[in-house]
Structures are given as C-alpha cells and as structure tokens.
N, C-alpha and C. Protein backbone atom coordinates (compact mmCIF):
# COMPACT_ATOMS: atom_id res chain seq x y z
N MET A 1 0.97 -1.31 0.03
CA MET A 1 0.10 -0.29 -0.36
C MET A 1 0.91 1.30 -0.41
N THR A 2 0.14 2.45 -0.60
CA THR A 2 1.23 3.66 -0.83
C THR A 2 1.31 4.44 0.61
N HIS A 3 1.76 5.34 0.84
CA HIS A 3 1.35 6.55 1.93
C HIS A 3 0.09 6.77 1.64
N ASP A 4 -0.51 7.31 0.41
CA ASP A 4 -1.29 7.66 0.56
C ASP A 4 -3.03 6.97 0.73
N ASP A 5 -2.82 5.13 0.38
CA ASP A 5 -3.96 4.72 0.89
C ASP A 5 -3.95 4.64 2.18
N VAL A 6 -2.70 4.42 2.67
CA VAL A 6 -2.75 4.04 4.60
C VAL A 6 -3.83 5.61 4.97
N ARG A 7 -3.00 6.79 4.72
CA ARG A 7 -3.32 8.00 4.95
C ARG A 7 -4.97 8.44 4.68
N ALA A 8 -5.21 7.68 3.81
CA ALA A 8 -7.16 7.69 3.34
C ALA A 8 -7.75 6.57 4.01
N TRP A 9 -6.95 5.25 4.45
CA TRP A 9 -8.00 4.08 5.18
C TRP A 9 -7.92 5.46 6.58
N PHE A 10 -6.58 5.87 7.20
CA PHE A 10 -6.95 6.78 8.49
C PHE A 10 -8.29 7.78 8.30
N ILE A 11 -8.38 8.45 7.48
CA ILE A 11 -9.23 9.85 7.16
C ILE A 11 -10.32 8.90 7.26
N GLY A 12 -10.71 7.91 6.66
CA GLY A 12 -12.40 7.56 6.57
C GLY A 12 -12.24 6.54 7.75
N ARG A 13 -11.39 6.15 8.16
CA ARG A 13 -11.73 5.45 9.78
C ARG A 13 -11.92 6.15 10.66
N LEU A 14 -11.64 7.56 11.11
CA LEU A 14 -10.76 7.99 12.66
C LEU A 14 -12.34 8.59 12.63
N PRO A 15 -13.02 8.33 14.07
CA PRO A 15 -14.17 8.75 14.75
C PRO A 15 -14.42 10.16 13.90
N ASP A 16 -15.47 11.07 13.26
CA ASP A 16 -15.90 12.59 13.87
C ASP A 16 -15.76 13.11 14.60
N GLY A 17 -14.69 13.89 14.95
CA GLY A 17 -14.40 14.73 16.04
C GLY A 17 -13.56 14.61 16.83
N ILE A 18 -13.04 13.46 16.07
CA ILE A 18 -11.85 13.19 17.63
C ILE A 18 -10.80 14.34 17.70
N TYR A 19 -10.47 14.69 16.03
CA TYR A 19 -9.63 16.04 16.17
C TYR A 19 -10.44 16.75 15.28
N ALA A 20 -9.88 18.14 15.33
CA ALA A 20 -10.70 19.56 14.78
C ALA A 20 -9.94 19.57 13.91
N GLY A 21 -9.17 18.66 13.08
CA GLY A 21 -8.82 19.13 11.49
C GLY A 21 -8.09 17.74 11.01
N PRO A 22 -8.01 18.59 10.14
CA PRO A 22 -6.82 17.08 9.35
C PRO A 22 -6.06 16.52 10.16
N VAL A 23 -5.54 15.14 9.87
CA VAL A 23 -4.62 14.71 10.60
C VAL A 23 -3.15 14.33 9.81
N GLU A 24 -2.28 14.54 10.33
CA GLU A 24 -0.80 14.82 9.68
C GLU A 24 -0.79 13.33 9.92
N LEU A 25 0.08 12.22 8.76
CA LEU A 25 0.35 11.03 8.54
C LEU A 25 1.95 10.46 8.51
N THR A 26 2.70 9.92 9.60
CA THR A 26 4.17 9.73 8.72
C THR A 26 3.78 8.35 9.22
N ALA A 27 5.04 7.65 8.30
CA ALA A 27 5.18 6.59 8.90
C ALA A 27 6.24 5.94 8.08
N ASP A 28 6.82 4.55 8.58
CA ASP A 28 8.03 4.09 7.98
C ASP A 28 7.79 2.28 8.21
N ARG A 29 8.84 1.52 7.81
CA ARG A 29 8.47 0.05 7.95
C ARG A 29 8.27 -0.42 9.14
N ASP A 30 8.28 0.63 10.53
CA ASP A 30 7.56 -0.22 12.02
C ASP A 30 6.74 0.45 12.71
N GLU A 31 6.78 1.33 11.75
CA GLU A 31 5.46 2.84 12.79
C GLU A 31 4.60 3.64 12.07
N ILE A 32 3.56 3.56 12.19
CA ILE A 32 2.38 4.82 11.49
C ILE A 32 2.23 5.89 12.92
N VAL A 33 2.51 6.97 12.39
CA VAL A 33 2.41 8.11 13.45
C VAL A 33 0.93 8.74 13.39
N ILE A 34 -0.03 9.22 14.05
CA ILE A 34 -0.93 9.90 13.37
C ILE A 34 -1.05 11.37 14.59
N VAL A 35 -1.02 12.25 14.07
CA VAL A 35 -1.27 13.96 14.79
C VAL A 35 -1.92 14.65 14.29
N GLY A 36 -2.80 14.86 15.00
CA GLY A 36 -4.10 15.93 15.15
C GLY A 36 -4.00 16.87 15.80
N PRO A 37 -4.89 17.92 15.14
CA PRO A 37 -4.58 19.54 15.40
C PRO A 37 -5.98 19.04 16.47
N LEU A 38 -6.02 20.21 17.75
CA LEU A 38 -7.15 20.30 18.96
C LEU A 38 -7.61 21.63 19.10
N ALA A 39 -8.70 21.88 19.11
CA ALA A 39 -9.39 23.59 19.33
C ALA A 39 -8.48 23.65 20.56
N ALA A 40 -7.78 25.15 20.64
CA ALA A 40 -7.71 25.58 21.64
C ALA A 40 -8.32 25.99 23.03
N PRO A 41 -7.88 25.76 23.48
CA PRO A 41 -8.54 26.67 24.88
C PRO A 41 -8.86 27.87 24.74
N ASP A 42 -10.35 28.50 25.23
CA ASP A 42 -10.29 29.93 25.61
C ASP A 42 -9.35 30.29 26.05
N LEU A 43 -8.38 31.17 26.28
CA LEU A 43 -7.68 31.71 27.17
C LEU A 43 -7.83 33.27 27.09
N PRO A 44 -7.65 33.64 28.79
CA PRO A 44 -7.74 35.19 28.48
C PRO A 44 -6.37 35.94 27.86
N ALA A 45 -6.39 37.02 27.86
CA ALA A 45 -5.23 37.85 27.10
C ALA A 45 -4.64 38.00 28.29
N ASP A 46 -4.64 38.38 28.90
CA ASP A 46 -3.54 38.61 30.23
C ASP A 46 -3.01 36.99 30.64
N LEU A 47 -3.44 36.20 30.09
CA LEU A 47 -2.21 34.62 31.34
C LEU A 47 -0.90 35.00 30.25
N ALA A 48 -0.13 34.59 31.49
CA ALA A 48 1.73 34.76 31.17
C ALA A 48 1.78 33.31 30.08
N PRO A 49 2.77 33.46 29.11
CA PRO A 49 3.10 32.62 28.62
C PRO A 49 3.41 31.47 29.00
N ASP A 50 3.64 31.09 30.23
CA ASP A 50 4.33 29.56 31.11
C ASP A 50 3.02 29.19 31.60
N ALA A 51 1.74 29.73 31.81
CA ALA A 51 0.64 29.35 32.24
C ALA A 51 -0.67 28.85 30.58
N VAL A 52 0.26 29.62 29.64
CA VAL A 52 -0.41 28.85 28.26
C VAL A 52 0.17 27.91 27.72
N VAL A 53 1.01 27.56 28.34
CA VAL A 53 2.04 26.13 27.48
C VAL A 53 0.92 25.46 28.86
N VAL A 54 1.07 25.59 30.22
CA VAL A 54 0.12 24.54 30.75
C VAL A 54 -1.25 24.31 30.14
N ALA A 55 -1.80 25.28 30.29
CA ALA A 55 -3.16 25.10 29.38
C ALA A 55 -3.36 24.50 27.88
N LEU A 56 -1.99 24.30 27.48
CA LEU A 56 -2.53 23.45 25.99
C LEU A 56 -1.92 21.99 26.10
N ALA A 57 -1.10 21.78 27.36
CA ALA A 57 0.09 20.80 27.48
C ALA A 57 -1.76 19.93 28.52
N ALA A 58 -2.48 20.82 29.42
CA ALA A 58 -3.80 20.12 30.13
C ALA A 58 -5.24 19.76 28.60
N ARG A 59 -4.91 20.54 27.53
CA ARG A 59 -6.17 19.81 26.22
C ARG A 59 -5.12 18.84 26.46
N ILE A 60 -3.94 19.21 26.11
CA ILE A 60 -3.69 17.54 24.94
C ILE A 60 -3.63 16.28 26.06
N LYS A 61 -3.65 16.59 27.31
CA LYS A 61 -3.25 15.57 27.90
C LYS A 61 -4.66 14.62 28.28
N ALA A 62 -5.94 16.02 28.46
CA ALA A 62 -7.34 15.84 28.28
C ALA A 62 -8.04 15.05 27.06
N HIS A 63 -7.59 15.00 25.96
CA HIS A 63 -8.03 14.67 24.57
C HIS A 63 -7.42 13.19 24.54
N ARG A 64 -5.87 12.63 24.98
CA ARG A 64 -5.35 11.71 25.10
C ARG A 64 -6.37 10.75 25.70
N GLU A 65 -6.44 11.47 27.29
CA GLU A 65 -7.12 10.37 28.11
C GLU A 65 -8.84 9.94 27.24
N ASP A 66 -9.33 10.66 26.38
CA ASP A 66 -10.70 10.96 26.50
C ASP A 66 -10.82 10.14 25.21
N THR A 67 -9.84 10.27 24.60
CA THR A 67 -9.91 9.02 23.09
C THR A 67 -9.33 8.30 23.46
N ARG A 68 -8.47 7.73 24.16
CA ARG A 68 -7.91 6.63 24.20
C ARG A 68 -8.73 5.35 23.69
N ALA A 69 -9.83 4.66 24.38
CA ALA A 69 -10.76 3.80 23.79
C ALA A 69 -11.05 3.68 22.22
N ALA A 70 -11.37 5.04 21.52
CA ALA A 70 -11.98 5.29 20.24
C ALA A 70 -10.02 4.94 19.05
N ARG A 71 -9.42 5.89 20.05
CA ARG A 71 -8.22 5.69 18.97
C ARG A 71 -7.35 4.17 19.38
N MET A 72 -7.64 3.68 20.14
CA MET A 72 -7.29 2.21 20.54
C MET A 72 -7.69 1.10 19.37
N ALA A 73 -9.36 1.28 19.75
CA ALA A 73 -10.35 0.49 18.32
C ALA A 73 -9.20 0.66 17.27
N VAL A 74 -9.17 1.59 16.65
CA VAL A 74 -8.75 2.28 15.17
C VAL A 74 -7.31 1.58 14.95
N ALA A 75 -6.12 1.69 16.08
CA ALA A 75 -4.93 0.96 16.20
C ALA A 75 -4.83 -0.25 16.15
N GLN A 76 -5.94 -0.78 16.69
CA GLN A 76 -5.60 -2.76 16.13
C GLN A 76 -5.63 -2.71 15.11
N GLU A 77 -7.25 -2.17 14.88
CA GLU A 77 -7.73 -2.56 13.10
C GLU A 77 -6.01 -2.27 12.53
N ALA A 78 -5.80 -1.05 12.98
CA ALA A 78 -4.59 -0.83 11.72
C ALA A 78 -2.92 -1.72 11.70
N GLU A 79 -3.01 -1.81 12.72
CA GLU A 79 -1.91 -2.67 13.05
C GLU A 79 -1.98 -3.89 12.25
N ALA A 80 -3.08 -4.67 12.44
CA ALA A 80 -3.60 -6.06 11.72
C ALA A 80 -3.81 -5.58 10.25
N ARG A 81 -4.23 -4.64 9.99
CA ARG A 81 -4.21 -4.63 8.01
C ARG A 81 -2.70 -4.28 7.48
N PHE A 82 -2.05 -3.31 8.57
CA PHE A 82 -0.98 -2.74 7.82
C PHE A 82 0.46 -3.42 8.37
N GLY A 83 0.47 -4.22 9.62
CA GLY A 83 1.59 -4.82 10.10
C GLY A 83 2.48 -4.06 10.49
N ARG A 84 1.81 -2.53 11.26
CA ARG A 84 2.93 -1.71 11.92
C ARG A 84 2.55 -1.39 13.06
N LYS A 85 3.04 -0.66 14.09
CA LYS A 85 2.83 -0.30 14.90
C LYS A 85 2.05 1.16 14.86
N VAL A 86 0.85 1.27 15.77
CA VAL A 86 0.46 3.05 15.66
C VAL A 86 0.77 3.59 16.77
N ALA A 87 0.84 4.83 16.05
CA ALA A 87 1.17 5.66 17.46
C ALA A 87 0.63 7.44 17.46
N TRP A 88 0.19 7.98 18.49
CA TRP A 88 -0.75 8.77 18.15
C TRP A 88 0.37 10.12 18.85
N GLY A 89 -0.74 11.46 18.78
CA GLY A 89 -0.25 12.40 19.31
C GLY A 89 -1.48 13.61 18.81
N ALA A 90 -0.87 14.44 19.09
CA ALA A 90 -1.87 15.81 19.11
C ALA A 90 -1.26 17.10 19.13
N ARG A 91 -2.07 18.31 18.51
CA ARG A 91 -1.24 19.88 18.78
C ARG A 91 -2.05 20.21 18.82
N CYS A 92 -1.93 21.42 19.21
CA CYS A 92 -2.89 22.31 20.18
C CYS A 92 -1.94 23.39 20.71
N GLY A 93 -2.41 24.94 19.50
CA GLY A 93 -1.53 25.76 19.52
C GLY A 93 -0.14 25.38 18.80
N ASP A 94 0.95 26.28 19.47
CA ASP A 94 2.07 25.93 18.71
C ASP A 94 2.94 24.85 20.01
N ARG A 95 2.69 24.00 20.35
CA ARG A 95 3.05 22.46 21.42
C ARG A 95 1.96 21.46 21.06
N GLU A 96 3.17 20.46 20.69
CA GLU A 96 2.52 19.09 20.13
C GLU A 96 3.41 18.29 21.01
N GLU A 97 2.33 17.00 21.54
CA GLU A 97 2.87 15.87 22.34
C GLU A 97 2.54 14.52 21.12
N LEU A 98 3.30 13.84 21.39
CA LEU A 98 3.43 12.14 20.82
C LEU A 98 3.15 11.30 21.77
N PHE A 99 1.82 10.66 21.51
CA PHE A 99 1.80 9.16 22.68
C PHE A 99 2.21 7.90 22.55
N THR A 100 3.32 8.03 23.28
CA THR A 100 3.79 6.18 22.76
C THR A 100 3.96 6.11 21.88
N THR A 101 5.23 6.63 21.12
CA THR A 101 5.89 5.85 20.10
C THR A 101 6.72 5.09 20.30
N ALA A 102 7.16 4.28 19.06
CA ALA A 102 7.82 3.09 19.28
C ALA A 102 9.30 3.06 19.19
N SER A 103 10.01 2.94 20.03
CA SER A 103 11.80 3.02 19.81
C SER A 103 12.43 1.86 18.86
N VAL A 104 12.71 2.04 17.85
CA VAL A 104 13.18 0.80 17.03
C VAL A 104 14.81 0.63 17.25
N PRO A 105 15.39 -0.89 17.82
CA PRO A 105 16.68 -0.80 17.19
C PRO A 105 16.97 -0.35 16.04
N VAL A 106 18.23 -0.34 15.78
CA VAL A 106 19.17 -0.39 14.65
C VAL A 106 20.76 -0.37 14.73
N MET A 107 20.89 -1.48 13.51
CA MET A 107 22.21 -1.82 13.88
C MET A 107 23.41 -1.43 12.79
N THR A 108 23.72 -1.15 13.00
CA THR A 108 25.18 -0.31 12.43
C THR A 108 26.76 -0.45 12.75
N ARG A 109 27.59 -0.30 12.03
CA ARG A 109 28.98 -0.77 12.19
C ARG A 109 29.51 0.80 11.76
N LEU A 110 30.46 1.26 12.78
CA LEU A 110 31.28 2.09 12.84
C LEU A 110 32.50 2.04 12.79
N ARG A 111 33.17 2.49 12.34
CA ARG A 111 35.22 2.52 11.83
C ARG A 111 35.28 3.51 13.33
N MET A 112 36.38 3.30 13.40
CA MET A 112 37.14 3.97 15.03
C MET A 112 36.62 5.80 15.28
N THR A 113 37.24 6.15 13.92
CA THR A 113 37.04 7.92 14.05
C THR A 113 35.69 7.83 14.09
N GLU A 114 34.67 7.12 14.03
CA GLU A 114 33.08 7.00 14.05
C GLU A 114 32.65 6.75 15.76
N ARG A 115 32.86 6.08 16.36
CA ARG A 115 33.12 5.57 17.34
C ARG A 115 33.65 6.94 18.12
N GLN A 116 34.73 7.57 17.61
CA GLN A 116 35.27 8.62 18.53
C GLN A 116 34.26 9.67 18.38
N VAL A 117 33.16 9.85 17.50
CA VAL A 117 32.59 11.28 17.98
C VAL A 117 31.66 10.68 18.79
N LEU A 118 30.94 9.49 18.85
CA LEU A 118 30.08 8.73 19.73
C LEU A 118 30.52 8.97 21.40
N ASP A 119 31.93 8.63 21.61
CA ASP A 119 32.60 8.38 22.59
C ASP A 119 32.64 10.17 23.39
N THR A 120 32.97 11.25 22.12
CA THR A 120 33.08 12.20 22.69
C THR A 120 31.93 12.77 22.98
N LEU A 121 31.08 12.85 22.53
CA LEU A 121 29.45 13.30 22.77
C LEU A 121 29.47 12.64 24.58
N ILE A 122 29.73 11.13 24.81
CA ILE A 122 29.55 10.46 25.63
C ILE A 122 30.23 11.31 27.23
N ASP A 123 30.93 11.41 26.72
CA ASP A 123 32.42 12.08 27.87
C ASP A 123 32.02 13.13 28.14
N ALA A 124 31.22 13.91 27.33
CA ALA A 124 31.10 15.61 27.58
C ALA A 124 30.19 15.57 27.75
N GLY A 125 29.09 14.17 28.27
CA GLY A 125 28.20 14.17 28.88
C GLY A 125 26.65 14.63 28.02
N VAL A 126 26.87 14.89 26.96
CA VAL A 126 25.66 14.88 25.73
C VAL A 126 24.86 14.04 25.51
N ALA A 127 25.51 12.49 26.00
CA ALA A 127 24.59 11.69 25.98
C ALA A 127 25.64 9.89 26.93
N ARG A 128 24.18 9.65 26.99
CA ARG A 128 24.87 8.44 28.65
C ARG A 128 25.55 7.05 27.86
N SER A 129 24.87 6.59 26.33
CA SER A 129 25.28 5.46 26.15
C SER A 129 25.66 5.77 24.36
N ARG A 130 26.06 5.09 23.34
CA ARG A 130 26.17 5.26 21.79
C ARG A 130 25.36 5.04 21.38
N SER A 131 24.60 4.58 21.69
CA SER A 131 23.21 4.29 21.08
C SER A 131 22.59 5.78 21.44
N GLU A 132 22.57 6.19 22.50
CA GLU A 132 22.08 7.46 22.48
C GLU A 132 22.78 8.75 21.37
N ALA A 133 24.03 8.58 22.18
CA ALA A 133 24.76 9.52 20.93
C ALA A 133 24.44 9.89 19.61
N LEU A 134 24.44 7.63 18.87
CA LEU A 134 23.94 8.27 17.67
C LEU A 134 22.01 8.59 17.59
N ALA A 135 21.87 8.51 18.25
CA ALA A 135 20.36 8.69 17.73
C ALA A 135 20.33 10.41 18.11
N TRP A 136 20.82 11.15 18.99
CA TRP A 136 21.25 12.93 19.16
C TRP A 136 21.91 13.48 17.52
N CYS A 137 22.84 12.86 17.19
CA CYS A 137 23.86 12.81 15.68
C CYS A 137 22.22 12.63 14.41
N VAL A 138 21.70 11.70 14.58
CA VAL A 138 20.55 11.64 13.63
C VAL A 138 19.65 12.56 13.72
N ARG A 139 19.10 13.38 14.92
CA ARG A 139 18.52 13.79 15.69
C ARG A 139 18.72 15.37 14.59
N LEU A 140 19.73 15.67 14.88
CA LEU A 140 20.97 16.73 14.69
C LEU A 140 20.96 16.75 13.38
N VAL A 141 20.96 16.34 12.23
CA VAL A 141 21.27 15.84 11.32
C VAL A 141 19.87 16.52 10.92
N GLY A 142 18.92 15.74 11.08
CA GLY A 142 17.56 15.71 10.34
C GLY A 142 16.90 17.10 10.82
N LYS A 143 16.99 17.93 12.21
CA LYS A 143 17.18 19.50 12.11
C LYS A 143 17.81 20.01 11.21
N HIS A 144 18.93 20.27 10.85
CA HIS A 144 20.17 21.16 10.14
C HIS A 144 19.79 20.57 8.84
N GLN A 145 19.11 19.52 8.06
CA GLN A 145 19.59 19.18 6.64
C GLN A 145 17.68 18.52 6.50
N ASP A 146 16.84 19.42 7.03
CA ASP A 146 15.35 19.17 6.53
C ASP A 146 15.10 19.32 5.55
N GLU A 147 15.40 20.55 4.88
CA GLU A 147 15.23 20.65 3.49
C GLU A 147 15.58 19.64 2.65
N TRP A 148 16.83 19.53 2.58
CA TRP A 148 17.80 18.25 1.73
C TRP A 148 16.62 16.83 1.45
N ILE A 149 15.72 16.68 3.26
CA ILE A 149 16.08 15.37 3.64
C ILE A 149 14.21 15.50 3.23
N THR A 150 13.47 16.53 3.20
CA THR A 150 12.51 17.00 2.55
C THR A 150 11.79 16.21 0.59
N GLN A 151 13.52 17.02 0.34
CA GLN A 151 13.29 16.70 -1.38
C GLN A 151 13.78 15.80 -0.89
N LEU A 152 14.39 14.53 -0.84
CA LEU A 152 15.26 13.74 -0.96
C LEU A 152 13.57 12.36 -1.06
N ARG A 153 12.73 12.21 0.20
CA ARG A 153 11.86 11.76 0.18
C ARG A 153 10.97 12.41 -0.84
N ALA A 154 10.37 12.95 -1.38
CA ALA A 154 10.06 13.67 -2.04
C ALA A 154 9.59 12.81 -3.63
N ALA A 155 11.26 12.35 -3.90
CA ALA A 155 12.06 12.40 -4.71
C ALA A 155 11.64 10.61 -4.75
N MET A 156 11.56 10.10 -3.63
CA MET A 156 11.44 8.66 -3.37
C MET A 156 10.28 8.49 -3.35
N GLU A 157 9.11 9.48 -3.44
CA GLU A 157 7.60 8.97 -3.53
C GLU A 157 7.44 9.01 -5.00
N ASP A 158 8.42 10.29 -5.35
CA ASP A 158 8.00 10.60 -7.33
C ASP A 158 8.49 8.74 -7.55
N LEU A 159 9.12 8.38 -7.86
CA LEU A 159 9.82 7.35 -7.72
C LEU A 159 8.94 5.90 -7.07
N VAL A 160 7.82 6.10 -6.59
CA VAL A 160 7.19 4.71 -6.02
C VAL A 160 6.29 4.93 -6.96
N ARG A 161 5.73 5.94 -7.44
CA ARG A 161 4.31 6.59 -8.36
C ARG A 161 5.21 5.76 -9.78
N VAL A 162 6.09 6.34 -10.08
CA VAL A 162 6.30 6.14 -11.41
C VAL A 162 6.35 4.23 -11.62
N ARG A 163 6.99 3.58 -10.41
CA ARG A 163 6.78 2.20 -11.08
C ARG A 163 5.54 1.39 -10.61
N GLU A 164 4.82 2.43 -9.76
CA GLU A 164 3.61 1.83 -10.15
C GLU A 164 2.86 2.41 -11.02
N ALA A 165 2.91 2.71 -11.78
CA ALA A 165 2.43 2.95 -13.72
C ALA A 165 3.04 2.43 -14.01
N GLY A 166 4.31 1.66 -14.07
CA GLY A 166 4.68 1.52 -15.10
C GLY A 166 4.27 -0.12 -15.74
N PRO A 167 4.45 -0.84 -16.29
CA PRO A 167 4.17 -1.49 -17.05
C PRO A 167 3.90 -3.61 -15.84
N ALA A 168 2.83 -3.88 -16.26
CA ALA A 168 2.75 -4.78 -14.92
C ALA A 168 3.41 -6.20 -15.67
N ALA A 169 4.26 -7.21 -15.15
CA ALA A 169 5.34 -7.87 -15.55
C ALA A 169 4.15 -9.07 -15.77
C-alpha cells in the first residue's frame, strides 16, 4: 500500500470529531504516527506565557485520556491491516505531543573515527551511551538538513508512483 492509501484509510476510519481538523500521518517500515490538531482552549489575553503552556498541555492530556478507547480500537485494526505499530499525537496551539511512540533498535557498524565521535559525546555528557549519542546525531542531521531530506523523500515518493504506473510484469 502507498502512503496515500494508508492515510486515506485513517481519514475514513477515524471517528468524526476526534480531532479538530485533518490529521498528519507519517510512516516508516515499523510505525505509523497520526497527529491531529485540537481546538485551543479559550484563554484570557492577560494569561502569562508559562500558564498558556500549562493550558495547552492540559488540553492535550485531556484529549489523550478522553479518546483512548476510540484510538486504540482504530490502532488495533490498523496494526492488523498494515503490520505496523500505530502511535498517536496531538497539536494544540504551538505545542505538540506524541503518545507512546516506538523506539526501534537499529544495527550499524562504525569505524574507529566514527566511534570516537560518539564517545566524545558521552564524555562531554551529551549522551549516556553510544546508542543515545547516535540518536542525538541523527536528530541533529534531521534538524539541520530538513530541506534536503524533505526533497529526498519527495523524490522517493515520485519514484514509487512511477514504478506503480509502469508496465505490469
């Protein structure tokens, strides 16, 4: 199934009103993550910025608790259908939280100079382990190379569409 097929299934399957607008769906080989917008609480104009953060976090927490049964029913169907774990999240104002996302081990082989980078991050207190240091490096590359990675993903999606439109074997 294509990404659009998976997204369309969720759009059709999600109960009405579970989110205040269209959901964003991201997926890889292991997990599908659905994040939807919530209506912001009606906040007084004089509320301190820290208090606004508390209010938005409370709205997300309430949504998580109030929709748990409905989300889990959809997740069970999706996991059986797509063979991947499903995680959820919500966005309220400028705050976004993900609920119980998967942490998937990845095996890699590194040469000494690459291991030294990870060990330096550990020695500096940036990370507690090589695994955590490597995850930190991946997040940093993702943050600083976001535009390039976005272009690469778009090119890969175009390639999938071209292959699917090609002649049948």
